[in-house]
Amino acid sequence: MERCPPALPSGRPLCRPARPTACRRLSGLLRRSGKALLFGWLFCLCAGASLPVRAEGPAAAVPAPAEEAAPRSGPAATSKAGESAVIAWEEQDGLAFAELPLPLPEGPGPRLAVVRLPPENFDFVLCAVGRGKHPPLTLRQWAQREGLAAAINASMYLPDGVTSTGYLREGDYANNRRLARRFGAFFVAGPDDDALPAATIIDKDEPDWQERLARYRLVVQNYRLISRDGRILWKPGGPRTAIAAVGVDAEGRILFLHCREPLDAYSFAEGLLRLPLGLRSTMYVEGGGQAGLVLRAGSIERDYAGRSAAEFLSAGSIRVALPNVLGARRRAAAPEPEKGVGRR
């Protein structure tokens, strides 16, 4: 470590004779901090600003959706590109799966993985480390442990590694009871009345949204990407990141959506609306290296992991451990009624 010069040109000592050690420590700290800042700046520049969207607390540095400003009309009302495309669905065990490029204005974009889940065939469950004493698990481990046909991130989470950034509960278990003011979408499942949808997304613009939330066993709050009337509620541009999302289509089926390659959220939503998915409300659940999707249905096995800034030259990692996961579990087939035995 460099020593402090004995004196300034004026002859006044630079460091007090009684405190040379403190001065040397301060000099070393400043030098190390400067190197760290320079390294971080160069790293972000090389990564092409494809940083994952992560929450760092109540004042999370997440790109603000356009709902905070004037709502913008999505491409559903202005562009028909890609709507004539036919999606080659692969159907097994009551769900449908497809992988295809997102149609963007400039041409085919990154590939999108879609799992379509009819609520009549699946129960949607929350897998959370807050319920037990085991550490966070990967999506693959959650699926194996809980017998899930499909699993995706439930939400972003706070630095404690457990708490969701938005409201999150299932039954008697509450992970976070605070309603996030800026999050406008709620995935719900398990109603208290069979007349209600078995699973859907409730939009915060609906006048009775709070009353409806109370009717469901499972509630997961996140940012909206697409409103129920087909508007993109996100600002164009912003960070480019892998994205995991959950949506509901016009027939009430739940869609788990995943794009591994970095893409800004507005372009992602724009591409979704250009596909013949019949999407209605859609919510963002995670971005970057934490964004994942797992599928286990019959002979179909898929593991998707998003690219992160730390892995921008690799294929991402399926080994990321997650505290809260939204899973779809295949409902047991109802037993066929026994044939009645007539009286003789």
Protein backbone atom coordinates (compact mmCIF):
# COMPACT_ATOMS: atom_id res chain seq x y z
CA MET A 1 0.00 0.00 0.00
CA GLU A 2 1.30 3.47 -0.86
CA ARG A 3 2.32 5.72 2.02
CA CYS A 4 0.97 9.27 2.35
CA PRO A 5 3.40 12.00 1.21
CA PRO A 6 5.06 13.64 4.23
CA ALA A 7 3.86 17.16 3.40
CA LEU A 8 2.06 19.40 0.93
CA PRO A 9 4.03 22.06 -1.02
CA SER A 10 3.02 24.56 1.67
CA GLY A 11 4.91 22.53 4.19
CA ARG A 12 1.75 21.49 6.08
CA PRO A 13 1.67 17.72 6.77
CA LEU A 14 -0.81 15.80 4.53
CA CYS A 15 -1.68 13.31 7.26
CA ARG A 16 -1.74 13.89 10.93
CA PRO A 17 1.28 12.11 12.44
CA ALA A 18 -0.98 10.33 14.92
CA ARG A 19 -3.24 8.81 12.20
CA PRO A 20 -1.10 7.35 9.35
CA THR A 21 -2.85 3.96 9.57
CA ALA A 22 -6.34 5.44 9.10
CA CYS A 23 -5.15 7.46 6.15
CA ARG A 24 -3.63 4.44 4.46
CA ARG A 25 -6.82 2.42 4.97
CA LEU A 26 -8.94 5.19 3.46
CA SER A 27 -6.65 5.43 0.45
CA GLY A 28 -6.86 1.70 -0.16
CA LEU A 29 -10.64 1.68 0.21
CA LEU A 30 -11.07 4.47 -2.32
CA ARG A 31 -8.77 2.74 -4.78
CA ARG A 32 -10.61 -0.57 -4.48
CA SER A 33 -14.02 1.14 -4.81
CA GLY A 34 -12.91 2.90 -7.96
CA LYS A 35 -11.83 -0.38 -9.52
CA ALA A 36 -15.15 -2.01 -8.62
CA LEU A 37 -17.15 0.82 -10.19
CA LEU A 38 -15.06 0.72 -13.36
CA PHE A 39 -15.45 -3.06 -13.62
CA GLY A 40 -19.22 -2.82 -13.15
CA TRP A 41 -19.52 -0.16 -15.84
CA LEU A 42 -17.51 -2.19 -18.34
CA PHE A 43 -19.48 -5.33 -17.50
CA CYS A 44 -22.86 -3.69 -18.17
CA LEU A 45 -21.52 -2.24 -21.43
CA CYS A 46 -20.37 -5.65 -22.64
CA ALA A 47 -23.64 -7.30 -21.65
CA GLY A 48 -25.56 -5.01 -23.96
CA ALA A 49 -27.74 -3.75 -21.12
CA SER A 50 -29.43 -7.15 -20.96
CA LEU A 51 -29.66 -7.03 -17.20
CA PRO A 52 -32.31 -9.16 -15.50
CA VAL A 53 -35.26 -7.31 -14.03
CA ARG A 54 -34.81 -7.89 -10.34
CA ALA A 55 -36.51 -6.43 -7.32
CA GLU A 56 -34.29 -4.92 -4.67
CA GLY A 57 -36.96 -3.96 -2.15
CA PRO A 58 -40.04 -1.74 -1.98
CA ALA A 59 -38.40 0.84 -4.24
CA ALA A 60 -37.39 -1.83 -6.76
CA ALA A 61 -35.46 -0.75 -9.85
CA VAL A 62 -37.93 -2.39 -12.21
CA PRO A 63 -38.87 -0.60 -15.46
CA ALA A 64 -42.11 1.30 -14.96
CA PRO A 65 -45.03 -0.01 -17.01
CA ALA A 66 -46.91 2.38 -19.26
CA GLU A 67 -49.97 2.21 -17.00
CA GLU A 68 -48.21 4.82 -14.86
CA ALA A 69 -48.51 7.20 -17.82
CA ALA A 70 -51.11 7.31 -20.56
CA PRO A 71 -52.16 3.78 -21.65
CA ARG A 72 -50.83 2.81 -25.06
CA SER A 73 -52.77 0.82 -27.62
CA GLY A 74 -51.19 -2.55 -28.25
CA PRO A 75 -50.56 -3.96 -31.73
CA ALA A 76 -53.69 -6.09 -31.48
CA ALA A 77 -55.69 -3.14 -32.79
CA THR A 78 -53.20 -1.92 -35.37
CA SER A 79 -51.17 -4.84 -36.69
CA LYS A 80 -52.21 -8.23 -38.00
CA ALA A 81 -48.76 -9.60 -38.80
CA GLY A 82 -48.45 -13.21 -37.70
CA GLU A 83 -52.13 -13.66 -36.89
CA SER A 84 -52.61 -15.94 -39.89
CA ALA A 85 -49.85 -18.26 -38.65
CA VAL A 86 -50.85 -21.72 -37.53
CA ILE A 87 -49.40 -22.91 -34.24
CA ALA A 88 -48.34 -26.56 -34.28
CA TRP A 89 -49.51 -27.61 -30.83
CA GLU A 90 -48.22 -30.82 -29.31
CA GLU A 91 -50.86 -32.19 -26.95
CA GLN A 92 -50.26 -34.66 -24.14
CA ASP A 93 -51.74 -35.34 -20.70
CA GLY A 94 -54.40 -32.67 -21.01
CA LEU A 95 -52.11 -29.76 -21.96
CA ALA A 96 -50.71 -28.31 -25.18
CA PHE A 97 -47.15 -27.20 -25.89
CA ALA A 98 -45.58 -25.18 -28.69
CA GLU A 99 -42.27 -23.49 -29.43
CA LEU A 100 -42.11 -20.84 -32.15
CA PRO A 101 -40.46 -17.49 -32.97
CA LEU A 102 -42.04 -14.29 -31.74
CA PRO A 103 -43.21 -12.24 -34.75
CA LEU A 104 -41.71 -8.77 -34.35
CA PRO A 105 -42.12 -5.79 -36.73
CA GLU A 106 -38.59 -6.28 -38.06
CA GLY A 107 -39.07 -10.02 -38.60
CA PRO A 108 -38.92 -13.27 -36.61
CA GLY A 109 -37.65 -12.67 -33.10
CA PRO A 110 -36.48 -14.92 -30.26
CA ARG A 111 -38.20 -18.23 -29.76
CA LEU A 112 -41.16 -18.43 -27.42
CA ALA A 113 -42.13 -21.51 -25.41
CA VAL A 114 -45.85 -21.80 -24.60
CA VAL A 115 -47.64 -24.26 -22.34
CA ARG A 116 -51.44 -24.09 -22.56
CA LEU A 117 -53.25 -25.45 -19.50
CA PRO A 118 -57.05 -25.88 -19.38
CA PRO A 119 -58.14 -25.28 -15.75
CA GLU A 120 -60.54 -28.20 -15.90
CA ASN A 121 -57.53 -30.51 -16.30
CA PHE A 122 -55.14 -28.95 -13.77
CA ASP A 123 -54.94 -27.63 -10.24
CA PHE A 124 -52.69 -24.60 -9.81
CA VAL A 125 -50.58 -24.57 -6.65
CA LEU A 126 -48.01 -22.39 -4.93
CA CYS A 127 -44.69 -24.01 -4.02
CA ALA A 128 -42.94 -21.86 -1.41
CA VAL A 129 -39.93 -22.32 0.86
CA GLY A 130 -41.70 -20.19 3.47
CA ARG A 131 -43.93 -23.16 4.21
CA GLY A 132 -41.15 -25.56 5.12
CA LYS A 133 -37.60 -25.71 6.38
CA HIS A 134 -35.88 -26.76 3.15
CA PRO A 135 -33.85 -24.31 1.03
CA PRO A 136 -35.02 -22.91 -2.33
CA LEU A 137 -35.17 -25.46 -5.14
CA THR A 138 -34.72 -25.34 -8.89
CA LEU A 139 -37.82 -25.52 -11.07
CA ARG A 140 -36.94 -29.09 -11.97
CA GLN A 141 -36.64 -30.02 -8.29
CA TRP A 142 -39.94 -28.30 -7.45
CA ALA A 143 -41.66 -30.21 -10.27
CA GLN A 144 -40.26 -33.54 -9.06
CA ARG A 145 -41.02 -32.83 -5.40
CA GLU A 146 -44.61 -31.63 -5.96
CA GLY A 147 -45.60 -33.81 -8.93
CA LEU A 148 -46.07 -30.88 -11.31
CA ALA A 149 -46.76 -31.15 -15.03
CA ALA A 150 -45.56 -27.58 -15.54
CA ALA A 151 -43.89 -24.96 -13.36
CA ILE A 152 -42.91 -21.32 -13.76
CA ASN A 153 -41.76 -18.47 -11.52
CA ALA A 154 -44.54 -17.26 -9.23
CA SER A 155 -43.08 -13.75 -8.93
CA MET A 156 -40.01 -11.64 -8.35
CA TYR A 157 -38.74 -11.69 -4.79
CA LEU A 158 -37.00 -9.47 -2.25
CA PRO A 159 -33.36 -9.73 -1.10
CA ASP A 160 -34.37 -11.94 1.85
CA GLY A 161 -34.73 -14.73 -0.73
CA VAL A 162 -38.24 -15.65 0.45
CA THR A 163 -40.71 -12.77 0.20
CA SER A 164 -42.53 -11.97 -3.05
CA THR A 165 -42.49 -8.37 -4.29
CA GLY A 166 -46.29 -8.41 -4.52
CA TYR A 167 -49.23 -9.92 -2.67
CA LEU A 168 -48.88 -13.70 -2.42
CA ARG A 169 -50.95 -16.22 -0.49
CA GLU A 170 -52.47 -19.67 -0.74
CA GLY A 171 -55.04 -20.78 1.79
CA ASP A 172 -53.78 -20.10 5.30
CA TYR A 173 -50.22 -19.44 4.13
CA ALA A 174 -49.39 -15.80 3.39
CA ASN A 175 -46.00 -14.99 1.91
CA ASN A 176 -46.73 -11.27 1.51
CA ARG A 177 -49.98 -9.59 2.54
CA ARG A 178 -49.01 -6.18 1.17
CA LEU A 179 -50.75 -5.14 -2.05
CA ALA A 180 -48.17 -3.56 -4.35
CA ARG A 181 -49.65 -0.31 -5.66
CA ARG A 182 -47.98 -0.49 -9.06
CA PHE A 183 -48.74 -4.17 -9.75
CA GLY A 184 -52.00 -4.45 -11.68
CA ALA A 185 -52.50 -8.20 -12.26
CA PHE A 186 -53.55 -11.05 -9.97
CA PHE A 187 -53.37 -14.70 -10.97
CA VAL A 188 -56.04 -16.56 -8.99
CA ALA A 189 -57.06 -20.20 -8.67
CA GLY A 190 -59.27 -22.35 -6.46
CA PRO A 191 -62.55 -20.41 -6.13
CA ASP A 192 -65.04 -20.94 -3.32
CA ASP A 193 -67.84 -21.30 -5.86
CA ASP A 194 -67.89 -23.55 -8.92
CA ALA A 195 -69.66 -20.80 -10.84
CA LEU A 196 -66.41 -18.77 -10.84
CA PRO A 197 -63.51 -19.52 -13.21
CA ALA A 198 -61.28 -22.26 -11.78
CA ALA A 199 -58.24 -20.11 -12.62
CA THR A 200 -57.85 -16.74 -14.29
CA ILE A 201 -56.13 -13.34 -14.10
CA ILE A 202 -57.99 -10.51 -12.39
CA ASP A 203 -57.21 -7.04 -13.68
CA LYS A 204 -56.88 -4.20 -11.18
CA ASP A 205 -59.02 -2.05 -13.49
CA GLU A 206 -62.03 -4.23 -12.74
CA PRO A 207 -64.34 -2.46 -10.26
CA ASP A 208 -64.85 -5.51 -8.02
CA TRP A 209 -61.28 -6.85 -8.07
CA GLN A 210 -60.80 -6.82 -4.30
CA GLU A 211 -64.04 -8.69 -3.63
CA ARG A 212 -63.09 -11.28 -6.25
CA LEU A 213 -59.65 -11.87 -4.75
CA ALA A 214 -61.24 -12.89 -1.46
CA ARG A 215 -63.11 -15.69 -3.28
CA TYR A 216 -59.93 -17.55 -4.29
CA ARG A 217 -57.58 -19.91 -2.45
CA LEU A 218 -54.48 -18.84 -4.43
CA VAL A 219 -53.60 -15.22 -5.28
CA VAL A 220 -50.35 -14.08 -6.95
CA GLN A 221 -49.80 -10.38 -7.73
CA ASN A 222 -47.44 -9.14 -10.46
CA TYR A 223 -46.94 -6.43 -13.07
CA ARG A 224 -49.36 -6.39 -15.98
CA LEU A 225 -47.99 -6.80 -19.48
CA ILE A 226 -51.27 -6.89 -21.42
CA SER A 227 -54.64 -5.70 -20.13
CA ARG A 228 -57.85 -7.67 -20.51
CA ASP A 229 -58.84 -5.45 -23.46
CA GLY A 230 -55.61 -6.14 -25.35
CA ARG A 231 -53.50 -3.07 -24.51
CA ILE A 232 -49.79 -3.27 -23.79
CA LEU A 233 -49.25 -1.68 -20.39
CA TRP A 234 -45.50 -1.25 -20.58
CA LYS A 235 -43.25 1.48 -21.92
CA PRO A 236 -41.41 0.76 -25.20
CA GLY A 237 -37.71 0.19 -24.82
CA GLY A 238 -36.17 -0.52 -21.46
CA PRO A 239 -33.85 -3.32 -20.37
CA ARG A 240 -33.53 -6.36 -22.62
CA THR A 241 -33.93 -9.53 -20.63
CA ALA A 242 -35.25 -13.06 -20.74
CA ILE A 243 -38.91 -13.06 -19.69
CA ALA A 244 -41.30 -15.47 -17.99
CA ALA A 245 -45.00 -14.57 -18.04
CA VAL A 246 -48.44 -16.03 -17.30
CA GLY A 247 -51.55 -15.27 -19.35
CA VAL A 248 -55.14 -16.31 -19.91
CA ASP A 249 -56.72 -16.73 -23.35
CA ALA A 250 -60.22 -16.01 -24.64
CA GLU A 251 -61.35 -19.53 -23.72
CA GLY A 252 -60.12 -19.26 -20.14
CA ARG A 253 -57.05 -21.46 -20.57
CA ILE A 254 -53.90 -20.54 -18.64
CA LEU A 255 -50.69 -19.99 -20.60
CA PHE A 256 -47.17 -20.29 -19.20
CA LEU A 257 -44.88 -18.24 -21.48
CA HIS A 258 -41.08 -18.11 -21.68
CA CYS A 259 -38.60 -16.28 -23.90
CA ARG A 260 -34.98 -17.23 -23.19
CA GLU A 261 -33.24 -14.62 -25.31
CA PRO A 262 -33.00 -11.00 -24.07
CA LEU A 263 -35.89 -8.83 -25.27
CA ASP A 264 -37.54 -5.70 -23.90
CA ALA A 265 -40.94 -6.25 -22.28
CA TYR A 266 -42.88 -4.11 -24.78
CA SER A 267 -41.52 -6.05 -27.78
CA PHE A 268 -42.27 -9.31 -25.97
CA ALA A 269 -45.90 -8.28 -25.44
CA GLU A 270 -46.14 -6.99 -29.00
CA GLY A 271 -44.96 -10.36 -30.32
CA LEU A 272 -47.48 -12.22 -28.16
CA LEU A 273 -50.36 -10.17 -29.56
CA ARG A 274 -49.22 -10.92 -33.12
CA LEU A 275 -49.63 -14.66 -32.51
CA PRO A 276 -52.99 -16.47 -32.71
CA LEU A 277 -52.99 -17.24 -29.00
CA GLY A 278 -56.19 -15.34 -28.18
CA LEU A 279 -54.43 -13.74 -25.22
CA ARG A 280 -56.30 -11.55 -22.81
CA SER A 281 -54.72 -10.49 -19.51
CA THR A 282 -51.01 -11.31 -19.25
CA MET A 283 -48.64 -10.67 -16.35
CA TYR A 284 -44.86 -10.53 -16.04
CA VAL A 285 -43.50 -12.92 -13.40
CA GLU A 286 -39.70 -12.79 -13.74
CA GLY A 287 -36.80 -11.76 -15.94
CA GLY A 288 -33.15 -12.58 -16.58
CA GLY A 289 -31.36 -15.67 -15.34
CA GLN A 290 -34.08 -16.40 -12.76
CA ALA A 291 -36.82 -16.65 -15.43
CA GLY A 292 -37.57 -20.31 -16.05
CA LEU A 293 -40.12 -22.83 -17.26
CA VAL A 294 -40.31 -26.59 -16.78
CA LEU A 295 -42.64 -29.01 -18.56
CA ARG A 296 -43.21 -32.68 -17.76
CA ALA A 297 -46.12 -34.18 -19.73
CA GLY A 298 -46.01 -37.68 -21.16
CA SER A 299 -43.01 -37.85 -23.47
CA ILE A 300 -42.53 -34.06 -23.45
CA GLU A 301 -39.78 -32.85 -21.16
CA ARG A 302 -38.51 -29.29 -21.43
CA ASP A 303 -36.33 -27.12 -19.20
CA TYR A 304 -35.97 -23.44 -20.07
CA ALA A 305 -33.72 -20.92 -18.38
CA GLY A 306 -33.30 -17.27 -19.24
CA ARG A 307 -30.03 -15.67 -20.13
CA SER A 308 -28.69 -13.30 -17.53
CA ALA A 309 -26.04 -10.60 -17.67
CA ALA A 310 -23.61 -12.95 -15.95
CA GLU A 311 -24.23 -15.62 -18.57
CA PHE A 312 -24.70 -13.56 -21.72
CA LEU A 313 -22.28 -15.80 -23.62
CA SER A 314 -23.88 -19.05 -22.44
CA ALA A 315 -27.27 -20.73 -22.60
CA GLY A 316 -28.45 -19.75 -19.15
CA SER A 317 -28.72 -22.03 -16.13
CA ILE A 318 -31.49 -24.38 -15.11
CA ARG A 319 -29.83 -24.66 -11.69
CA VAL A 320 -31.16 -21.36 -10.35
CA ALA A 321 -32.91 -21.98 -7.02
CA LEU A 322 -36.26 -20.23 -6.56
CA PRO A 323 -38.24 -19.56 -3.38
CA ASN A 324 -41.73 -19.29 -4.92
CA VAL A 325 -43.02 -21.26 -7.88
CA LEU A 326 -46.40 -21.47 -9.60
CA GLY A 327 -47.15 -25.06 -10.55
CA ALA A 328 -49.80 -26.96 -12.49
CA ARG A 329 -50.65 -30.41 -11.19
CA ARG A 330 -52.67 -32.83 -13.33
CA ARG A 331 -56.03 -33.58 -11.78
CA ALA A 332 -56.72 -37.22 -11.05
CA ALA A 333 -59.22 -38.68 -13.47
CA ALA A 334 -62.63 -39.04 -11.87
CA PRO A 335 -63.48 -42.71 -11.35
CA GLU A 336 -66.16 -44.02 -13.64
CA PRO A 337 -69.41 -44.72 -11.82
CA GLU A 338 -70.10 -48.36 -11.24
CA LYS A 339 -72.88 -49.85 -13.22
CA GLY A 340 -75.94 -50.35 -11.07
CA VAL A 341 -77.05 -53.87 -10.32
CA GLY A 342 -80.75 -54.27 -10.97
CA ARG A 343 -83.03 -56.09 -8.60
CA ARG A 344 -84.05 -59.55 -9.48
